[in-house]
Amino acid sequence: MEDGLGLVRDFAIIMAVVGGALLPFGIGLEFGWQRIRRVGLQVLLIGIAEVAFMMAVGYQVGKSLGWSEREAVFLGAAPSPSAARPC
């Protein structure tokens, strides 16, 4: 049987996941198509730069820890798509 704090923790995790899923939907409702088109290229370039930066930093950290190239690449790739994920 789980204690009360475990239920609160589970509820908080569920709410974080639901919030993370609804956030892009809410943003889409807030912005019109014209505004999305206007800033789209800039956002795309920033996203690509962020993923490249995270990959490079993770790779360098992995190599400094003495990991193989494959392990270092996976370390760099792990945080890249999860920047907005709460858990």
PDB file of N, CA and C in Angstrom:
ATOM      1  N   MET A   1       0.842  -1.182   0.000  1.00  0.00           N
ATOM      2  CA  MET A   1       0.000   0.000   0.000  1.00  0.00           C
ATOM      3  C   MET A   1       0.882   1.239   0.000  1.00  0.00           C
ATOM      4  N   GLU A   2       0.518   2.198  -0.795  1.00  0.00           N
ATOM      5  CA  GLU A   2       1.307   3.406  -0.950  1.00  0.00           C
ATOM      6  C   GLU A   2       0.872   4.455   0.072  1.00  0.00           C
ATOM      7  N   ASP A   3       1.831   5.239   0.541  1.00  0.00           N
ATOM      8  CA  ASP A   3       1.492   6.287   1.490  1.00  0.00           C
ATOM      9  C   ASP A   3       0.928   7.500   0.756  1.00  0.00           C
ATOM     10  N   GLY A   4       0.462   8.476   1.502  1.00  0.00           N
ATOM     11  CA  GLY A   4      -0.157   9.664   0.921  1.00  0.00           C
ATOM     12  C   GLY A   4       0.791  10.494   0.086  1.00  0.00           C
ATOM     13  N   LEU A   5       2.052  10.565   0.493  1.00  0.00           N
ATOM     14  CA  LEU A   5       3.013  11.359  -0.267  1.00  0.00           C
ATOM     15  C   LEU A   5       3.271  10.759  -1.646  1.00  0.00           C
ATOM     16  N   GLY A   6       3.225   9.459  -1.751  1.00  0.00           N
ATOM     17  CA  GLY A   6       3.398   8.817  -3.048  1.00  0.00           C
ATOM     18  C   GLY A   6       2.275   9.181  -4.000  1.00  0.00           C
ATOM     19  N   LEU A   7       1.055   9.270  -3.486  1.00  0.00           N
ATOM     20  CA  LEU A   7      -0.075   9.656  -4.318  1.00  0.00           C
ATOM     21  C   LEU A   7       0.054  11.097  -4.780  1.00  0.00           C
ATOM     22  N   VAL A   8       0.517  11.968  -3.891  1.00  0.00           N
ATOM     23  CA  VAL A   8       0.717  13.368  -4.260  1.00  0.00           C
ATOM     24  C   VAL A   8       1.800  13.475  -5.338  1.00  0.00           C
ATOM     25  N   ARG A   9       2.872  12.717  -5.181  1.00  0.00           N
ATOM     26  CA  ARG A   9       3.950  12.724  -6.171  1.00  0.00           C
ATOM     27  C   ARG A   9       3.436  12.236  -7.513  1.00  0.00           C
ATOM     28  N   ASP A  10       2.683  11.145  -7.522  1.00  0.00           N
ATOM     29  CA  ASP A  10       2.133  10.616  -8.770  1.00  0.00           C
ATOM     30  C   ASP A  10       1.192  11.621  -9.428  1.00  0.00           C
ATOM     31  N   PHE A  11       0.368  12.276  -8.620  1.00  0.00           N
ATOM     32  CA  PHE A  11      -0.554  13.281  -9.151  1.00  0.00           C
ATOM     33  C   PHE A  11       0.219  14.449  -9.762  1.00  0.00           C
ATOM     34  N   ALA A  12       1.283  14.880  -9.098  1.00  0.00           N
ATOM     35  CA  ALA A  12       2.088  15.989  -9.612  1.00  0.00           C
ATOM     36  C   ALA A  12       2.738  15.611 -10.938  1.00  0.00           C
ATOM     37  N   ILE A  13       3.211  14.386 -11.057  1.00  0.00           N
ATOM     38  CA  ILE A  13       3.822  13.936 -12.308  1.00  0.00           C
ATOM     39  C   ILE A  13       2.783  13.910 -13.428  1.00  0.00           C
ATOM     40  N   ILE A  14       1.598  13.403 -13.135  1.00  0.00           N
ATOM     41  CA  ILE A  14       0.531  13.352 -14.140  1.00  0.00           C
ATOM     42  C   ILE A  14       0.154  14.753 -14.588  1.00  0.00           C
ATOM     43  N   MET A  15       0.036  15.683 -13.655  1.00  0.00           N
ATOM     44  CA  MET A  15      -0.320  17.060 -14.007  1.00  0.00           C
ATOM     45  C   MET A  15       0.784  17.725 -14.826  1.00  0.00           C
ATOM     46  N   ALA A  16       2.041  17.421 -14.526  1.00  0.00           N
ATOM     47  CA  ALA A  16       3.156  17.986 -15.299  1.00  0.00           C
ATOM     48  C   ALA A  16       3.123  17.471 -16.732  1.00  0.00           C
ATOM     49  N   VAL A  17       2.846  16.195 -16.913  1.00  0.00           N
ATOM     50  CA  VAL A  17       2.793  15.625 -18.257  1.00  0.00           C
ATOM     51  C   VAL A  17       1.609  16.203 -19.033  1.00  0.00           C
ATOM     52  N   VAL A  18       0.455  16.305 -18.389  1.00  0.00           N
ATOM     53  CA  VAL A  18      -0.718  16.873 -19.055  1.00  0.00           C
ATOM     54  C   VAL A  18      -0.460  18.339 -19.418  1.00  0.00           C
ATOM     55  N   GLY A  19       0.138  19.087 -18.494  1.00  0.00           N
ATOM     56  CA  GLY A  19       0.462  20.484 -18.773  1.00  0.00           C
ATOM     57  C   GLY A  19       1.442  20.620 -19.913  1.00  0.00           C
ATOM     58  N   GLY A  20       2.440  19.738 -19.964  1.00  0.00           N
ATOM     59  CA  GLY A  20       3.403  19.767 -21.060  1.00  0.00           C
ATOM     60  C   GLY A  20       2.771  19.453 -22.401  1.00  0.00           C
ATOM     61  N   ALA A  21       1.726  18.641 -22.382  1.00  0.00           N
ATOM     62  CA  ALA A  21       1.028  18.315 -23.631  1.00  0.00           C
ATOM     63  C   ALA A  21       0.083  19.436 -24.051  1.00  0.00           C
ATOM     64  N   LEU A  22      -0.519  20.127 -23.086  1.00  0.00           N
ATOM     65  CA  LEU A  22      -1.485  21.177 -23.410  1.00  0.00           C
ATOM     66  C   LEU A  22      -0.830  22.512 -23.724  1.00  0.00           C
ATOM     67  N   LEU A  23       0.400  22.718 -23.287  1.00  0.00           N
ATOM     68  CA  LEU A  23       1.066  23.993 -23.523  1.00  0.00           C
ATOM     69  C   LEU A  23       1.193  24.329 -25.008  1.00  0.00           C
ATOM     70  N   PRO A  24       1.696  23.423 -25.848  1.00  0.00           N
ATOM     71  CA  PRO A  24       1.759  23.770 -27.280  1.00  0.00           C
ATOM     72  C   PRO A  24       0.382  24.036 -27.887  1.00  0.00           C
ATOM     73  N   PHE A  25      -0.629  23.328 -27.421  1.00  0.00           N
ATOM     74  CA  PHE A  25      -1.986  23.552 -27.909  1.00  0.00           C
ATOM     75  C   PHE A  25      -2.447  24.956 -27.557  1.00  0.00           C
ATOM     76  N   GLY A  26      -2.205  25.377 -26.310  1.00  0.00           N
ATOM     77  CA  GLY A  26      -2.582  26.727 -25.878  1.00  0.00           C
ATOM     78  C   GLY A  26      -1.837  27.806 -26.641  1.00  0.00           C
ATOM     79  N   ILE A  27      -0.575  27.578 -26.905  1.00  0.00           N
ATOM     80  CA  ILE A  27       0.203  28.546 -27.685  1.00  0.00           C
ATOM     81  C   ILE A  27      -0.356  28.654 -29.096  1.00  0.00           C
ATOM     82  N   GLY A  28      -0.737  27.523 -29.663  1.00  0.00           N
ATOM     83  CA  GLY A  28      -1.322  27.537 -31.001  1.00  0.00           C
ATOM     84  C   GLY A  28      -2.631  28.308 -31.053  1.00  0.00           C
ATOM     85  N   LEU A  29      -3.415  28.250 -29.984  1.00  0.00           N
ATOM     86  CA  LEU A  29      -4.658  29.015 -29.945  1.00  0.00           C
ATOM     87  C   LEU A  29      -4.395  30.510 -29.784  1.00  0.00           C
ATOM     88  N   GLU A  30      -3.321  30.843 -29.068  1.00  0.00           N
ATOM     89  CA  GLU A  30      -3.017  32.243 -28.777  1.00  0.00           C
ATOM     90  C   GLU A  30      -2.506  32.995 -30.004  1.00  0.00           C
ATOM     91  N   PHE A  31      -1.684  32.343 -30.803  1.00  0.00           N
ATOM     92  CA  PHE A  31      -1.071  33.005 -31.955  1.00  0.00           C
ATOM     93  C   PHE A  31      -1.855  32.700 -33.221  1.00  0.00           C
ATOM     94  N   GLY A  32      -1.998  33.712 -34.061  1.00  0.00           N
ATOM     95  CA  GLY A  32      -2.634  33.524 -35.353  1.00  0.00           C
ATOM     96  C   GLY A  32      -1.625  32.985 -36.366  1.00  0.00           C
ATOM     97  N   TRP A  33      -2.130  32.502 -37.494  1.00  0.00           N
ATOM     98  CA  TRP A  33      -1.261  31.937 -38.523  1.00  0.00           C
ATOM     99  C   TRP A  33      -0.271  32.957 -39.050  1.00  0.00           C
ATOM    100  N   GLN A  34      -0.700  34.198 -39.181  1.00  0.00           N
ATOM    101  CA  GLN A  34       0.203  35.236 -39.695  1.00  0.00           C
ATOM    102  C   GLN A  34       1.397  35.436 -38.766  1.00  0.00           C
ATOM    103  N   ARG A  35       1.132  35.450 -37.484  1.00  0.00           N
ATOM    104  CA  ARG A  35       2.222  35.638 -36.512  1.00  0.00           C
ATOM    105  C   ARG A  35       3.148  34.420 -36.490  1.00  0.00           C
ATOM    106  N   ILE A  36       2.583  33.240 -36.593  1.00  0.00           N
ATOM    107  CA  ILE A  36       3.406  32.029 -36.611  1.00  0.00           C
ATOM    108  C   ILE A  36       4.293  32.028 -37.855  1.00  0.00           C
ATOM    109  N   ARG A  37       3.748  32.406 -39.002  1.00  0.00           N
ATOM    110  CA  ARG A  37       4.554  32.469 -40.229  1.00  0.00           C
ATOM    111  C   ARG A  37       5.660  33.521 -40.118  1.00  0.00           C
ATOM    112  N   ARG A  38       5.352  34.629 -39.458  1.00  0.00           N
ATOM    113  CA  ARG A  38       6.322  35.718 -39.354  1.00  0.00           C
ATOM    114  C   ARG A  38       7.526  35.320 -38.512  1.00  0.00           C
ATOM    115  N   VAL A  39       7.314  34.596 -37.427  1.00  0.00           N
ATOM    116  CA  VAL A  39       8.421  34.238 -36.536  1.00  0.00           C
ATOM    117  C   VAL A  39       8.901  32.808 -36.763  1.00  0.00           C
ATOM    118  N   GLY A  40       8.290  32.096 -37.681  1.00  0.00           N
ATOM    119  CA  GLY A  40       8.591  30.683 -37.874  1.00  0.00           C
ATOM    120  C   GLY A  40      10.040  30.378 -38.195  1.00  0.00           C
ATOM    121  N   LEU A  41      10.633  31.114 -39.137  1.00  0.00           N
ATOM    122  CA  LEU A  41      12.017  30.862 -39.520  1.00  0.00           C
ATOM    123  C   LEU A  41      12.969  31.145 -38.358  1.00  0.00           C
ATOM    124  N   GLN A  42      12.704  32.229 -37.651  1.00  0.00           N
ATOM    125  CA  GLN A  42      13.552  32.571 -36.504  1.00  0.00           C
ATOM    126  C   GLN A  42      13.489  31.483 -35.433  1.00  0.00           C
ATOM    127  N   VAL A  43      12.306  31.000 -35.139  1.00  0.00           N
ATOM    128  CA  VAL A  43      12.139  29.944 -34.139  1.00  0.00           C
ATOM    129  C   VAL A  43      12.812  28.659 -34.603  1.00  0.00           C
ATOM    130  N   LEU A  44      12.677  28.336 -35.863  1.00  0.00           N
ATOM    131  CA  LEU A  44      13.315  27.146 -36.411  1.00  0.00           C
ATOM    132  C   LEU A  44      14.838  27.226 -36.271  1.00  0.00           C
ATOM    133  N   LEU A  45      15.414  28.361 -36.607  1.00  0.00           N
ATOM    134  CA  LEU A  45      16.866  28.532 -36.497  1.00  0.00           C
ATOM    135  C   LEU A  45      17.337  28.453 -35.051  1.00  0.00           C
ATOM    136  N   ILE A  46      16.583  29.042 -34.142  1.00  0.00           N
ATOM    137  CA  ILE A  46      16.936  28.974 -32.719  1.00  0.00           C
ATOM    138  C   ILE A  46      16.853  27.538 -32.223  1.00  0.00           C
ATOM    139  N   GLY A  47      15.839  26.801 -32.650  1.00  0.00           N
ATOM    140  CA  GLY A  47      15.710  25.397 -32.252  1.00  0.00           C
ATOM    141  C   GLY A  47      16.856  24.547 -32.754  1.00  0.00           C
ATOM    142  N   ILE A  48      17.243  24.758 -33.990  1.00  0.00           N
ATOM    143  CA  ILE A  48      18.375  24.013 -34.548  1.00  0.00           C
ATOM    144  C   ILE A  48      19.652  24.345 -33.793  1.00  0.00           C
ATOM    145  N   ALA A  49      19.854  25.631 -33.481  1.00  0.00           N
ATOM    146  CA  ALA A  49      21.048  26.045 -32.735  1.00  0.00           C
ATOM    147  C   ALA A  49      21.065  25.428 -31.337  1.00  0.00           C
ATOM    148  N   GLU A  50      19.898  25.355 -30.694  1.00  0.00           N
ATOM    149  CA  GLU A  50      19.836  24.775 -29.347  1.00  0.00           C
ATOM    150  C   GLU A  50      20.200  23.292 -29.373  1.00  0.00           C
ATOM    151  N   VAL A  51      19.647  22.560 -30.321  1.00  0.00           N
ATOM    152  CA  VAL A  51      19.947  21.129 -30.420  1.00  0.00           C
ATOM    153  C   VAL A  51      21.429  20.916 -30.726  1.00  0.00           C
ATOM    154  N   ALA A  52      21.983  21.714 -31.640  1.00  0.00           N
ATOM    155  CA  ALA A  52      23.402  21.583 -31.960  1.00  0.00           C
ATOM    156  C   ALA A  52      24.277  21.897 -30.751  1.00  0.00           C
ATOM    157  N   PHE A  53      23.909  22.927 -29.997  1.00  0.00           N
ATOM    158  CA  PHE A  53      24.678  23.298 -28.805  1.00  0.00           C
ATOM    159  C   PHE A  53      24.636  22.189 -27.758  1.00  0.00           C
ATOM    160  N   MET A  54      23.452  21.643 -27.510  1.00  0.00           N
ATOM    161  CA  MET A  54      23.319  20.578 -26.517  1.00  0.00           C
ATOM    162  C   MET A  54      24.090  19.335 -26.952  1.00  0.00           C
ATOM    163  N   MET A  55      24.046  19.028 -28.236  1.00  0.00           N
ATOM    164  CA  MET A  55      24.806  17.882 -28.750  1.00  0.00           C
ATOM    165  C   MET A  55      26.299  18.090 -28.530  1.00  0.00           C
ATOM    166  N   ALA A  56      26.797  19.292 -28.850  1.00  0.00           N
ATOM    167  CA  ALA A  56      28.225  19.580 -28.717  1.00  0.00           C
ATOM    168  C   ALA A  56      28.671  19.529 -27.261  1.00  0.00           C
ATOM    169  N   VAL A  57      27.895  20.124 -26.374  1.00  0.00           N
ATOM    170  CA  VAL A  57      28.259  20.119 -24.950  1.00  0.00           C
ATOM    171  C   VAL A  57      28.222  18.702 -24.400  1.00  0.00           C
ATOM    172  N   GLY A  58      27.180  17.956 -24.704  1.00  0.00           N
ATOM    173  CA  GLY A  58      27.084  16.581 -24.219  1.00  0.00           C
ATOM    174  C   GLY A  58      28.201  15.710 -24.741  1.00  0.00           C
ATOM    175  N   TYR A  59      28.544  15.899 -25.997  1.00  0.00           N
ATOM    176  CA  TYR A  59      29.634  15.134 -26.586  1.00  0.00           C
ATOM    177  C   TYR A  59      30.948  15.450 -25.877  1.00  0.00           C
ATOM    178  N   GLN A  60      31.222  16.720 -25.642  1.00  0.00           N
ATOM    179  CA  GLN A  60      32.466  17.114 -24.978  1.00  0.00           C
ATOM    180  C   GLN A  60      32.531  16.597 -23.548  1.00  0.00           C
ATOM    181  N   VAL A  61      31.398  16.638 -22.848  1.00  0.00           N
ATOM    182  CA  VAL A  61      31.368  16.104 -21.479  1.00  0.00           C
ATOM    183  C   VAL A  61      31.639  14.606 -21.500  1.00  0.00           C
ATOM    184  N   GLY A  62      31.000  13.893 -22.415  1.00  0.00           N
ATOM    185  CA  GLY A  62      31.221  12.450 -22.523  1.00  0.00           C
ATOM    186  C   GLY A  62      32.667  12.107 -22.843  1.00  0.00           C
ATOM    187  N   LYS A  63      33.261  12.839 -23.772  1.00  0.00           N
ATOM    188  CA  LYS A  63      34.666  12.583 -24.120  1.00  0.00           C
ATOM    189  C   LYS A  63      35.591  12.915 -22.949  1.00  0.00           C
ATOM    190  N   SER A  64      35.278  13.977 -22.190  1.00  0.00           N
ATOM    191  CA  SER A  64      36.122  14.324 -21.040  1.00  0.00           C
ATOM    192  C   SER A  64      36.006  13.287 -19.929  1.00  0.00           C
ATOM    193  N   LEU A  65      34.914  12.544 -19.908  1.00  0.00           N
ATOM    194  CA  LEU A  65      34.753  11.466 -18.929  1.00  0.00           C
ATOM    195  C   LEU A  65      35.396  10.166 -19.404  1.00  0.00           C
ATOM    196  N   GLY A  66      35.975  10.189 -20.592  1.00  0.00           N
ATOM    197  CA  GLY A  66      36.641   9.010 -21.117  1.00  0.00           C
ATOM    198  C   GLY A  66      35.711   8.035 -21.812  1.00  0.00           C
ATOM    199  N   TRP A  67      34.527   8.473 -22.183  1.00  0.00           N
ATOM    200  CA  TRP A  67      33.573   7.601 -22.847  1.00  0.00           C
ATOM    201  C   TRP A  67      33.942   7.443 -24.321  1.00  0.00           C
ATOM    202  N   SER A  68      33.411   6.389 -24.936  1.00  0.00           N
ATOM    203  CA  SER A  68      33.635   6.181 -26.367  1.00  0.00           C
ATOM    204  C   SER A  68      32.861   7.237 -27.161  1.00  0.00           C
ATOM    205  N   GLU A  69      33.153   7.325 -28.456  1.00  0.00           N
ATOM    206  CA  GLU A  69      32.459   8.311 -29.291  1.00  0.00           C
ATOM    207  C   GLU A  69      30.956   8.061 -29.323  1.00  0.00           C
ATOM    208  N   ARG A  70      30.579   6.792 -29.427  1.00  0.00           N
ATOM    209  CA  ARG A  70      29.151   6.448 -29.467  1.00  0.00           C
ATOM    210  C   ARG A  70      28.444   6.862 -28.177  1.00  0.00           C
ATOM    211  N   GLU A  71      29.060   6.568 -27.044  1.00  0.00           N
ATOM    212  CA  GLU A  71      28.460   6.942 -25.756  1.00  0.00           C
ATOM    213  C   GLU A  71      28.370   8.459 -25.620  1.00  0.00           C
ATOM    214  N   ALA A  72      29.396   9.178 -26.067  1.00  0.00           N
ATOM    215  CA  ALA A  72      29.390  10.637 -25.983  1.00  0.00           C
ATOM    216  C   ALA A  72      28.303  11.236 -26.869  1.00  0.00           C
ATOM    217  N   VAL A  73      28.089  10.664 -28.048  1.00  0.00           N
ATOM    218  CA  VAL A  73      27.031  11.149 -28.930  1.00  0.00           C
ATOM    219  C   VAL A  73      25.664  10.930 -28.285  1.00  0.00           C
ATOM    220  N   PHE A  74      25.467   9.778 -27.681  1.00  0.00           N
ATOM    221  CA  PHE A  74      24.191   9.524 -27.010  1.00  0.00           C
ATOM    222  C   PHE A  74      23.988  10.469 -25.827  1.00  0.00           C
ATOM    223  N   LEU A  75      25.058  10.782 -25.108  1.00  0.00           N
ATOM    224  CA  LEU A  75      24.936  11.750 -24.012  1.00  0.00           C
ATOM    225  C   LEU A  75      24.536  13.114 -24.550  1.00  0.00           C
ATOM    226  N   GLY A  76      25.084  13.506 -25.678  1.00  0.00           N
ATOM    227  CA  GLY A  76      24.706  14.781 -26.279  1.00  0.00           C
ATOM    228  C   GLY A  76      23.288  14.786 -26.794  1.00  0.00           C
ATOM    229  N   ALA A  77      22.833  13.659 -27.312  1.00  0.00           N
ATOM    230  CA  ALA A  77      21.493  13.587 -27.895  1.00  0.00           C
ATOM    231  C   ALA A  77      20.402  13.476 -26.835  1.00  0.00           C
ATOM    232  N   ALA A  78      20.726  12.975 -25.675  1.00  0.00           N
ATOM    233  CA  ALA A  78      19.695  12.727 -24.662  1.00  0.00           C
ATOM    234  C   ALA A  78      18.940  13.974 -24.226  1.00  0.00           C
ATOM    235  N   PRO A  79      19.587  15.086 -23.872  1.00  0.00           N
ATOM    236  CA  PRO A  79      18.805  16.236 -23.393  1.00  0.00           C
ATOM    237  C   PRO A  79      18.245  17.107 -24.518  1.00  0.00           C
ATOM    238  N   SER A  80      18.658  16.903 -25.746  1.00  0.00           N
ATOM    239  CA  SER A  80      18.254  17.796 -26.832  1.00  0.00           C
ATOM    240  C   SER A  80      16.749  17.891 -27.038  1.00  0.00           C
ATOM    241  N   PRO A  81      16.031  16.802 -27.223  1.00  0.00           N
ATOM    242  CA  PRO A  81      14.588  16.941 -27.468  1.00  0.00           C
ATOM    243  C   PRO A  81      13.772  17.120 -26.196  1.00  0.00           C
ATOM    244  N   SER A  82      14.394  17.052 -25.053  1.00  0.00           N
ATOM    245  CA  SER A  82      13.616  17.079 -23.817  1.00  0.00           C
ATOM    246  C   SER A  82      13.714  18.403 -23.078  1.00  0.00           C
ATOM    247  N   ALA A  83      14.045  19.476 -23.762  1.00  0.00           N
ATOM    248  CA  ALA A  83      14.207  20.762 -23.084  1.00  0.00           C
ATOM    249  C   ALA A  83      12.904  21.243 -22.445  1.00  0.00           C
ATOM    250  N   ALA A  84      11.784  20.932 -23.032  1.00  0.00           N
ATOM    251  CA  ALA A  84      10.506  21.419 -22.516  1.00  0.00           C
ATOM    252  C   ALA A  84       9.762  20.386 -21.685  1.00  0.00           C
ATOM    253  N   ARG A  85      10.317  19.208 -21.530  1.00  0.00           N
ATOM    254  CA  ARG A  85       9.631  18.152 -20.787  1.00  0.00           C
ATOM    255  C   ARG A  85       9.812  18.350 -19.294  1.00  0.00           C
ATOM    256  N   PRO A  86       8.761  18.311 -18.524  1.00  0.00           N
ATOM    257  CA  PRO A  86       8.883  18.545 -17.095  1.00  0.00           C
ATOM    258  C   PRO A  86       9.454  17.347 -16.324  1.00  0.00           C
ATOM    259  N   CYS A  87       9.300  16.140 -16.842  1.00  0.00           N
ATOM    260  CA  CYS A  87       9.812  14.978 -16.106  1.00  0.00           C
ATOM    261  C   CYS A  87      10.186  13.868 -17.056  1.00  0.00           C
TER     262      CYS A  87
END
